[in-house]
Structure formats: C-alpha cells, structure tokens
Protein backbone atom coordinates (compact mmCIF):
# COMPACT_ATOMS: atom_id res chain seq x y z
CA UNK A 1 60.07 -117.81 125.84
CA UNK A 2 58.71 -121.40 125.23
CA UNK A 3 55.33 -119.99 126.10
CA UNK A 4 55.55 -117.28 123.39
CA UNK A 5 56.87 -119.80 120.79
CA UNK A 6 53.83 -122.22 121.54
CA UNK A 7 51.56 -119.41 121.35
CA UNK A 8 52.82 -118.14 118.06
CA UNK A 9 52.91 -121.52 116.61
CA UNK A 10 49.03 -122.04 117.56
CA UNK A 11 48.37 -118.72 115.93
CA UNK A 12 50.27 -119.69 112.73
CA UNK A 13 48.39 -123.09 112.62
CA UNK A 14 44.92 -121.36 112.97
CA UNK A 15 45.48 -118.80 110.56
CA UNK A 16 47.08 -121.45 108.17
CA UNK A 17 43.71 -123.29 108.66
CA UNK A 18 41.44 -120.44 107.90
CA UNK A 19 43.52 -119.45 104.70
CA UNK A 20 45.67 -116.75 105.72
CA UNK A 21 48.97 -117.98 104.30
CA UNK A 22 51.11 -114.91 104.56
CA UNK A 23 50.08 -114.26 108.10
CA UNK A 24 50.73 -117.85 109.11
CA UNK A 25 54.21 -117.76 107.43
CA UNK A 26 54.91 -114.59 109.62
CA UNK A 27 53.63 -116.18 112.88
CA UNK A 28 55.64 -119.34 112.09
CA UNK A 29 58.70 -117.46 111.73
CA UNK A 30 58.17 -115.46 114.75
CA UNK A 31 57.57 -118.99 116.59
CA UNK A 32 60.63 -120.34 115.30
CA UNK A 33 62.87 -117.46 116.37
CA UNK A 34 61.34 -117.50 119.68
CA UNK A 35 61.92 -121.08 120.40
CA UNK A 36 65.64 -120.96 119.07
CA UNK A 37 66.32 -117.95 121.56
CA UNK A 38 64.65 -119.85 124.24
CA UNK A 39 66.82 -122.90 123.66
CA UNK A 40 70.00 -120.65 123.52
CA UNK A 41 69.10 -118.79 126.78
CA UNK A 42 68.33 -122.09 128.41
CA UNK A 43 71.87 -123.65 127.33
CA UNK A 44 73.56 -120.07 128.37
CA UNK A 45 72.06 -120.09 131.84
CA UNK A 46 72.34 -123.81 132.54
CA UNK A 47 76.26 -123.24 131.43
CA UNK A 48 76.17 -120.07 134.16
CA UNK A 49 74.63 -122.11 136.63
CA UNK A 50 77.25 -124.91 136.25
CA UNK A 51 80.16 -122.40 136.47
CA UNK A 52 78.64 -120.98 139.56
CA UNK A 53 78.07 -124.30 141.17
CA UNK A 54 81.63 -125.52 140.27
CA UNK A 55 83.00 -122.36 141.77
CA UNK A 56 81.03 -122.82 145.08
CA UNK A 57 82.11 -126.37 145.28
CA UNK A 58 85.78 -125.48 144.82
CA UNK A 59 85.56 -123.10 147.88
CA UNK A 60 84.06 -125.85 150.15
C-alpha cells in the first residue's frame, strides 16, 4: 500500500510540473487515500499481532 501511495504521489508531482492540474489533484487524492488506508492497516495488523502474542504468552 505504501508503494502505491508513493507511486501515485510521484505521478501527481510529475503531472503538476507538466501543467495537468486536474489530473494531479486526482492522483494526489488517491495517494492520500492509499496512504491513510496503509496506516490504518498497519495499526490494525499490529494490534492483531499484539493480541495474538499476548494470548500465546498467557498459555506458556
């Protein structure tokens, strides 16, 4: 997900430099959404890993 956010941000930057304002806004919005989703997924899976580790540690 972070890779896609970075790619969309680079495409937005290049299109803005070339003068395609509308296209760059769309790609920037997609990059922001992908980045936020990636952060949410990271936090969610970190929480799941913490819970699973805690359950395993309790059984030992």
